[in-house]
């Protein structure tokens, strides 16, 4: 038997999920699509969805780089998001998000930046299963934050110094300012292109991990 939900899912089948908020029935972000499927008024915060899940999905929807990625990762979950609101498991789901951010998401980027020791220190933390555990891991988090900030500042200073030296050598003192701007823009473009290729495996891994997290939150009891 074809249900109303099935009919609404059929309408969504030919549409791609989009970034940001939208006017009614024009196009949909993932949570607007869920509201539509559930028969709620137009909103990106449907009543039928757990607010923890909705917040994570909204943010991920807007951070994904393309409509194709939104469709691949989030679209299949739309019917599963319906009727996930359950006050009894909201805190558990929030802790699941916090644990993933601390022990999975952040270490992946630290390791990519060469901060392997710092990544391992977060990965080795015990699973965050209650807010009472937060004070005990705060010193580790702060130490990693300081190391990451120092590494970022050093890398930025080195990049700017290299670009400035290249600009001066290429154009001489008279055109130094203009050459500096051009060299910095060129260096940034080159770095960005190189970064995309280097980041791709980490991005793909984290996308699959985030998908698994959403599925676990949906199933949480």
C-alpha atoms as a PDB file:
ATOM      1  CA  UNK A   1       0.000   0.000   0.000  1.00  0.00           C
ATOM      2  CA  UNK A   2       1.408   3.385  -1.014  1.00  0.00           C
ATOM      3  CA  UNK A   3       1.378   5.823   1.895  1.00  0.00           C
ATOM      4  CA  UNK A   4       1.420   9.624   1.935  1.00  0.00           C
ATOM      5  CA  UNK A   5       5.029   9.465   3.049  1.00  0.00           C
ATOM      6  CA  UNK A   6       5.857   7.279   0.044  1.00  0.00           C
ATOM      7  CA  UNK A   7       4.246   9.815  -2.287  1.00  0.00           C
ATOM      8  CA  UNK A   8       6.209  12.665  -0.757  1.00  0.00           C
ATOM      9  CA  UNK A   9       9.434  10.692  -1.005  1.00  0.00           C
ATOM     10  CA  UNK A  10       8.707  10.195  -4.705  1.00  0.00           C
ATOM     11  CA  UNK A  11       8.507  13.967  -5.145  1.00  0.00           C
ATOM     12  CA  UNK A  12      11.886  14.345  -3.456  1.00  0.00           C
ATOM     13  CA  UNK A  13      13.448  11.633  -5.610  1.00  0.00           C
ATOM     14  CA  UNK A  14      13.927  13.982  -8.532  1.00  0.00           C
ATOM     15  CA  UNK A  15      15.282  16.854  -6.446  1.00  0.00           C
ATOM     16  CA  UNK A  16      18.727  17.447  -5.001  1.00  0.00           C
ATOM     17  CA  UNK A  17      19.244  18.629  -1.441  1.00  0.00           C
ATOM     18  CA  UNK A  18      20.618  22.153  -1.249  1.00  0.00           C
ATOM     19  CA  UNK A  19      22.694  24.200   1.155  1.00  0.00           C
ATOM     20  CA  UNK A  20      20.987  26.707   3.460  1.00  0.00           C
ATOM     21  CA  UNK A  21      17.362  27.594   4.155  1.00  0.00           C
ATOM     22  CA  UNK A  22      14.760  27.894   1.420  1.00  0.00           C
ATOM     23  CA  UNK A  23      11.282  29.201   0.745  1.00  0.00           C
ATOM     24  CA  UNK A  24       8.384  26.697   0.925  1.00  0.00           C
ATOM     25  CA  UNK A  25       8.317  24.025  -1.775  1.00  0.00           C
ATOM     26  CA  UNK A  26      11.105  25.650  -3.822  1.00  0.00           C
ATOM     27  CA  UNK A  27      13.880  23.258  -2.886  1.00  0.00           C
ATOM     28  CA  UNK A  28      14.981  21.532   0.281  1.00  0.00           C
ATOM     29  CA  UNK A  29      17.787  21.159   2.738  1.00  0.00           C
ATOM     30  CA  UNK A  30      17.745  17.803   4.528  1.00  0.00           C
ATOM     31  CA  UNK A  31      15.630  18.936   7.482  1.00  0.00           C
ATOM     32  CA  UNK A  32      13.177  20.834   5.276  1.00  0.00           C
ATOM     33  CA  UNK A  33      12.803  17.599   3.332  1.00  0.00           C
ATOM     34  CA  UNK A  34      12.086  15.682   6.533  1.00  0.00           C
ATOM     35  CA  UNK A  35       9.428  18.219   7.547  1.00  0.00           C
ATOM     36  CA  UNK A  36       7.828  17.870   4.099  1.00  0.00           C
ATOM     37  CA  UNK A  37       7.830  14.069   4.255  1.00  0.00           C
ATOM     38  CA  UNK A  38       6.375  14.111   7.780  1.00  0.00           C
ATOM     39  CA  UNK A  39       3.592  16.498   6.754  1.00  0.00           C
ATOM     40  CA  UNK A  40       4.733  19.335   9.011  1.00  0.00           C
ATOM     41  CA  UNK A  41       4.703  23.028   8.206  1.00  0.00           C
ATOM     42  CA  UNK A  42       7.758  24.280   6.310  1.00  0.00           C
ATOM     43  CA  UNK A  43      10.711  24.362   8.694  1.00  0.00           C
ATOM     44  CA  UNK A  44      14.296  23.203   9.056  1.00  0.00           C
ATOM     45  CA  UNK A  45      13.592  22.153  12.658  1.00  0.00           C
ATOM     46  CA  UNK A  46      10.787  19.591  12.349  1.00  0.00           C
ATOM     47  CA  UNK A  47       9.008  18.567  15.531  1.00  0.00           C
ATOM     48  CA  UNK A  48       9.309  14.888  14.674  1.00  0.00           C
ATOM     49  CA  UNK A  49      13.125  14.912  14.682  1.00  0.00           C
ATOM     50  CA  UNK A  50      15.417  14.755  17.697  1.00  0.00           C
ATOM     51  CA  UNK A  51      16.981  18.230  18.046  1.00  0.00           C
ATOM     52  CA  UNK A  52      20.460  16.690  18.451  1.00  0.00           C
ATOM     53  CA  UNK A  53      20.116  14.754  15.206  1.00  0.00           C
ATOM     54  CA  UNK A  54      18.570  17.769  13.457  1.00  0.00           C
ATOM     55  CA  UNK A  55      21.401  20.092  14.509  1.00  0.00           C
ATOM     56  CA  UNK A  56      24.076  17.650  13.349  1.00  0.00           C
ATOM     57  CA  UNK A  57      22.308  16.970  10.031  1.00  0.00           C
ATOM     58  CA  UNK A  58      21.675  20.670   9.315  1.00  0.00           C
ATOM     59  CA  UNK A  59      25.312  21.543   9.907  1.00  0.00           C
ATOM     60  CA  UNK A  60      26.564  18.626   7.824  1.00  0.00           C
ATOM     61  CA  UNK A  61      24.109  19.436   5.040  1.00  0.00           C
ATOM     62  CA  UNK A  62      25.565  22.956   4.761  1.00  0.00           C
ATOM     63  CA  UNK A  63      29.194  21.856   5.071  1.00  0.00           C
ATOM     64  CA  UNK A  64      29.111  19.198   2.365  1.00  0.00           C
ATOM     65  CA  UNK A  65      30.812  20.449  -0.808  1.00  0.00           C
ATOM     66  CA  UNK A  66      28.159  19.505  -3.359  1.00  0.00           C
ATOM     67  CA  UNK A  67      24.524  18.605  -3.925  1.00  0.00           C
ATOM     68  CA  UNK A  68      25.692  15.177  -5.074  1.00  0.00           C
ATOM     69  CA  UNK A  69      27.324  14.527  -1.702  1.00  0.00           C
ATOM     70  CA  UNK A  70      24.225  15.728   0.139  1.00  0.00           C
ATOM     71  CA  UNK A  71      22.085  13.384  -1.940  1.00  0.00           C
ATOM     72  CA  UNK A  72      24.431  10.436  -1.456  1.00  0.00           C
ATOM     73  CA  UNK A  73      24.939  10.767   2.282  1.00  0.00           C
ATOM     74  CA  UNK A  74      21.815  12.406   3.670  1.00  0.00           C
ATOM     75  CA  UNK A  75      18.947  11.709   1.302  1.00  0.00           C
ATOM     76  CA  UNK A  76      18.621   7.985   2.185  1.00  0.00           C
ATOM     77  CA  UNK A  77      18.252   8.933   5.862  1.00  0.00           C
ATOM     78  CA  UNK A  78      15.272  11.269   5.363  1.00  0.00           C
ATOM     79  CA  UNK A  79      12.534   8.725   6.192  1.00  0.00           C
ATOM     80  CA  UNK A  80      14.601   7.375   9.077  1.00  0.00           C
ATOM     81  CA  UNK A  81      14.849  10.829  10.690  1.00  0.00           C
ATOM     82  CA  UNK A  82      11.062  10.952  11.063  1.00  0.00           C
ATOM     83  CA  UNK A  83       9.857  10.232  14.626  1.00  0.00           C
ATOM     84  CA  UNK A  84      13.315  10.215  16.193  1.00  0.00           C
ATOM     85  CA  UNK A  85      12.374  12.817  18.823  1.00  0.00           C
ATOM     86  CA  UNK A  86      12.751  11.163  22.215  1.00  0.00           C
ATOM     87  CA  UNK A  87      13.638  13.242  25.251  1.00  0.00           C
ATOM     88  CA  UNK A  88      14.928  10.188  27.082  1.00  0.00           C
ATOM     89  CA  UNK A  89      17.843   9.705  24.675  1.00  0.00           C
ATOM     90  CA  UNK A  90      18.698  13.325  23.795  1.00  0.00           C
ATOM     91  CA  UNK A  91      21.567  13.487  26.296  1.00  0.00           C
ATOM     92  CA  UNK A  92      22.909  10.149  25.079  1.00  0.00           C
ATOM     93  CA  UNK A  93      22.873  11.402  21.506  1.00  0.00           C
ATOM     94  CA  UNK A  94      24.573  14.639  22.524  1.00  0.00           C
ATOM     95  CA  UNK A  95      27.324  12.669  24.222  1.00  0.00           C
ATOM     96  CA  UNK A  96      27.719  10.511  21.132  1.00  0.00           C
ATOM     97  CA  UNK A  97      28.315  13.675  19.093  1.00  0.00           C
ATOM     98  CA  UNK A  98      30.786  15.052  21.623  1.00  0.00           C
ATOM     99  CA  UNK A  99      32.691  11.782  21.722  1.00  0.00           C
ATOM    100  CA  UNK A 100      32.878  11.633  17.916  1.00  0.00           C
ATOM    101  CA  UNK A 101      34.136  15.206  17.667  1.00  0.00           C
ATOM    102  CA  UNK A 102      36.827  14.661  20.310  1.00  0.00           C
ATOM    103  CA  UNK A 103      38.019  11.132  19.546  1.00  0.00           C
ATOM    104  CA  UNK A 104      37.378  10.791  15.781  1.00  0.00           C
ATOM    105  CA  UNK A 105      36.893  14.084  13.936  1.00  0.00           C
ATOM    106  CA  UNK A 106      39.598  16.192  15.584  1.00  0.00           C
ATOM    107  CA  UNK A 107      42.314  13.480  15.602  1.00  0.00           C
ATOM    108  CA  UNK A 108      41.824  12.934  11.863  1.00  0.00           C
ATOM    109  CA  UNK A 109      42.723  16.563  11.127  1.00  0.00           C
ATOM    110  CA  UNK A 110      45.539  16.633  13.675  1.00  0.00           C
ATOM    111  CA  UNK A 111      47.145  13.586  12.093  1.00  0.00           C
ATOM    112  CA  UNK A 112      46.843  15.144   8.640  1.00  0.00           C
ATOM    113  CA  UNK A 113      48.676  18.214   9.989  1.00  0.00           C
ATOM    114  CA  UNK A 114      51.501  16.034  11.287  1.00  0.00           C
ATOM    115  CA  UNK A 115      50.420  16.310  14.930  1.00  0.00           C
ATOM    116  CA  UNK A 116      50.359  12.545  15.384  1.00  0.00           C
ATOM    117  CA  UNK A 117      51.150  12.553  19.117  1.00  0.00           C
ATOM    118  CA  UNK A 118      48.315  14.987  19.781  1.00  0.00           C
ATOM    119  CA  UNK A 119      45.918  12.913  17.664  1.00  0.00           C
ATOM    120  CA  UNK A 120      46.821   9.791  19.596  1.00  0.00           C
ATOM    121  CA  UNK A 121      46.302  11.559  22.923  1.00  0.00           C
ATOM    122  CA  UNK A 122      42.691  12.310  21.966  1.00  0.00           C
ATOM    123  CA  UNK A 123      42.044   8.893  20.453  1.00  0.00           C
ATOM    124  CA  UNK A 124      43.243   7.221  23.649  1.00  0.00           C
ATOM    125  CA  UNK A 125      40.779   9.128  25.839  1.00  0.00           C
ATOM    126  CA  UNK A 126      37.979   7.022  27.339  1.00  0.00           C
ATOM    127  CA  UNK A 127      34.635   7.161  25.566  1.00  0.00           C
ATOM    128  CA  UNK A 128      32.609  10.190  26.661  1.00  0.00           C
ATOM    129  CA  UNK A 129      29.472   8.624  28.111  1.00  0.00           C
ATOM    130  CA  UNK A 130      28.557  11.300  30.665  1.00  0.00           C
ATOM    131  CA  UNK A 131      29.083  15.017  31.130  1.00  0.00           C
ATOM    132  CA  UNK A 132      30.739  14.231  34.461  1.00  0.00           C
ATOM    133  CA  UNK A 133      33.769  12.971  32.495  1.00  0.00           C
ATOM    134  CA  UNK A 134      34.368  16.308  30.759  1.00  0.00           C
ATOM    135  CA  UNK A 135      36.480  17.930  33.537  1.00  0.00           C
ATOM    136  CA  UNK A 136      38.849  14.961  33.591  1.00  0.00           C
ATOM    137  CA  UNK A 137      39.677  15.246  29.878  1.00  0.00           C
ATOM    138  CA  UNK A 138      39.828  19.051  29.761  1.00  0.00           C
ATOM    139  CA  UNK A 139      43.625  19.267  30.418  1.00  0.00           C
ATOM    140  CA  UNK A 140      44.282  16.964  27.438  1.00  0.00           C
ATOM    141  CA  UNK A 141      41.963  18.976  25.223  1.00  0.00           C
ATOM    142  CA  UNK A 142      43.621  22.251  26.229  1.00  0.00           C
ATOM    143  CA  UNK A 143      47.131  20.901  25.655  1.00  0.00           C
ATOM    144  CA  UNK A 144      46.179  19.698  22.181  1.00  0.00           C
ATOM    145  CA  UNK A 145      44.498  23.017  21.415  1.00  0.00           C
ATOM    146  CA  UNK A 146      47.636  24.951  22.336  1.00  0.00           C
ATOM    147  CA  UNK A 147      49.867  22.670  20.255  1.00  0.00           C
ATOM    148  CA  UNK A 148      47.569  22.975  17.249  1.00  0.00           C
ATOM    149  CA  UNK A 149      47.400  26.766  17.559  1.00  0.00           C
ATOM    150  CA  UNK A 150      51.191  27.014  17.745  1.00  0.00           C
ATOM    151  CA  UNK A 151      51.632  24.763  14.715  1.00  0.00           C
ATOM    152  CA  UNK A 152      49.097  26.773  12.747  1.00  0.00           C
ATOM    153  CA  UNK A 153      50.779  30.068  13.593  1.00  0.00           C
ATOM    154  CA  UNK A 154      54.201  28.703  12.632  1.00  0.00           C
ATOM    155  CA  UNK A 155      52.934  27.327   9.319  1.00  0.00           C
ATOM    156  CA  UNK A 156      51.202  30.572   8.436  1.00  0.00           C
ATOM    157  CA  UNK A 157      54.296  32.635   9.266  1.00  0.00           C
ATOM    158  CA  UNK A 158      56.501  30.359   7.168  1.00  0.00           C
ATOM    159  CA  UNK A 159      54.130  30.541   4.193  1.00  0.00           C
ATOM    160  CA  UNK A 160      53.915  34.318   4.345  1.00  0.00           C
ATOM    161  CA  UNK A 161      57.699  34.645   4.645  1.00  0.00           C
ATOM    162  CA  UNK A 162      58.253  32.389   1.626  1.00  0.00           C
ATOM    163  CA  UNK A 163      55.724  34.270  -0.459  1.00  0.00           C
ATOM    164  CA  UNK A 164      57.208  37.640   0.529  1.00  0.00           C
ATOM    165  CA  UNK A 165      60.718  36.470  -0.359  1.00  0.00           C
ATOM    166  CA  UNK A 166      59.517  35.233  -3.743  1.00  0.00           C
ATOM    167  CA  UNK A 167      57.765  38.523  -4.403  1.00  0.00           C
ATOM    168  CA  UNK A 168      60.832  40.581  -3.557  1.00  0.00           C
ATOM    169  CA  UNK A 169      63.155  38.444  -5.667  1.00  0.00           C
ATOM    170  CA  UNK A 170      60.852  38.563  -8.657  1.00  0.00           C
ATOM    171  CA  UNK A 171      60.023  42.237  -8.764  1.00  0.00           C
ATOM    172  CA  UNK A 172      62.538  44.185  -6.722  1.00  0.00           C
ATOM    173  CA  UNK A 173      61.876  46.821  -4.127  1.00  0.00           C
ATOM    174  CA  UNK A 174      59.900  49.226  -6.356  1.00  0.00           C
ATOM    175  CA  UNK A 175      57.180  46.681  -7.115  1.00  0.00           C
ATOM    176  CA  UNK A 176      57.531  44.821  -3.854  1.00  0.00           C
ATOM    177  CA  UNK A 177      54.040  45.489  -2.522  1.00  0.00           C
ATOM    178  CA  UNK A 178      52.230  44.528  -5.733  1.00  0.00           C
ATOM    179  CA  UNK A 179      54.456  41.510  -6.235  1.00  0.00           C
ATOM    180  CA  UNK A 180      53.859  40.427  -2.653  1.00  0.00           C
ATOM    181  CA  UNK A 181      50.093  40.491  -3.191  1.00  0.00           C
ATOM    182  CA  UNK A 182      50.362  38.582  -6.448  1.00  0.00           C
ATOM    183  CA  UNK A 183      52.759  36.031  -5.019  1.00  0.00           C
ATOM    184  CA  UNK A 184      50.614  35.485  -1.956  1.00  0.00           C
ATOM    185  CA  UNK A 185      47.513  34.968  -4.122  1.00  0.00           C
ATOM    186  CA  UNK A 186      49.367  32.542  -6.347  1.00  0.00           C
ATOM    187  CA  UNK A 187      50.814  30.668  -3.390  1.00  0.00           C
ATOM    188  CA  UNK A 188      47.398  30.452  -1.758  1.00  0.00           C
ATOM    189  CA  UNK A 189      45.768  29.139  -4.962  1.00  0.00           C
ATOM    190  CA  UNK A 190      48.477  26.524  -5.385  1.00  0.00           C
ATOM    191  CA  UNK A 191      48.263  25.478  -1.757  1.00  0.00           C
ATOM    192  CA  UNK A 192      44.490  25.225  -1.953  1.00  0.00           C
ATOM    193  CA  UNK A 193      44.641  22.989  -5.033  1.00  0.00           C
ATOM    194  CA  UNK A 194      47.274  20.775  -3.445  1.00  0.00           C
ATOM    195  CA  UNK A 195      45.310  20.672  -0.206  1.00  0.00           C
ATOM    196  CA  UNK A 196      42.178  19.385  -1.906  1.00  0.00           C
ATOM    197  CA  UNK A 197      44.006  16.305  -3.144  1.00  0.00           C
ATOM    198  CA  UNK A 198      45.712  15.721   0.180  1.00  0.00           C
ATOM    199  CA  UNK A 199      42.513  16.222   2.151  1.00  0.00           C
ATOM    200  CA  UNK A 200      40.379  13.914   0.012  1.00  0.00           C
ATOM    201  CA  UNK A 201      41.073  10.615   1.865  1.00  0.00           C
ATOM    202  CA  UNK A 202      40.501  12.225   5.273  1.00  0.00           C
ATOM    203  CA  UNK A 203      37.307  13.895   4.085  1.00  0.00           C
ATOM    204  CA  UNK A 204      35.988  10.615   2.658  1.00  0.00           C
ATOM    205  CA  UNK A 205      36.802   8.737   5.857  1.00  0.00           C
ATOM    206  CA  UNK A 206      35.121  11.342   8.052  1.00  0.00           C
ATOM    207  CA  UNK A 207      32.052  11.418   5.821  1.00  0.00           C
ATOM    208  CA  UNK A 208      31.558   7.691   6.288  1.00  0.00           C
ATOM    209  CA  UNK A 209      32.233   8.027  10.016  1.00  0.00           C
ATOM    210  CA  UNK A 210      29.684  10.855  10.328  1.00  0.00           C
ATOM    211  CA  UNK A 211      27.139   8.751   8.465  1.00  0.00           C
ATOM    212  CA  UNK A 212      27.708   5.903  10.891  1.00  0.00           C
ATOM    213  CA  UNK A 213      27.302   8.327  13.803  1.00  0.00           C
ATOM    214  CA  UNK A 214      23.935   9.519  12.489  1.00  0.00           C
ATOM    215  CA  UNK A 215      22.796   5.934  12.047  1.00  0.00           C
ATOM    216  CA  UNK A 216      23.828   5.115  15.628  1.00  0.00           C
ATOM    217  CA  UNK A 217      21.971   8.166  16.924  1.00  0.00           C
ATOM    218  CA  UNK A 218      18.852   7.142  15.016  1.00  0.00           C
ATOM    219  CA  UNK A 219      18.999   3.688  16.585  1.00  0.00           C
ATOM    220  CA  UNK A 220      19.836   4.935  20.107  1.00  0.00           C
ATOM    221  CA  UNK A 221      17.518   3.634  22.828  1.00  0.00           C
END
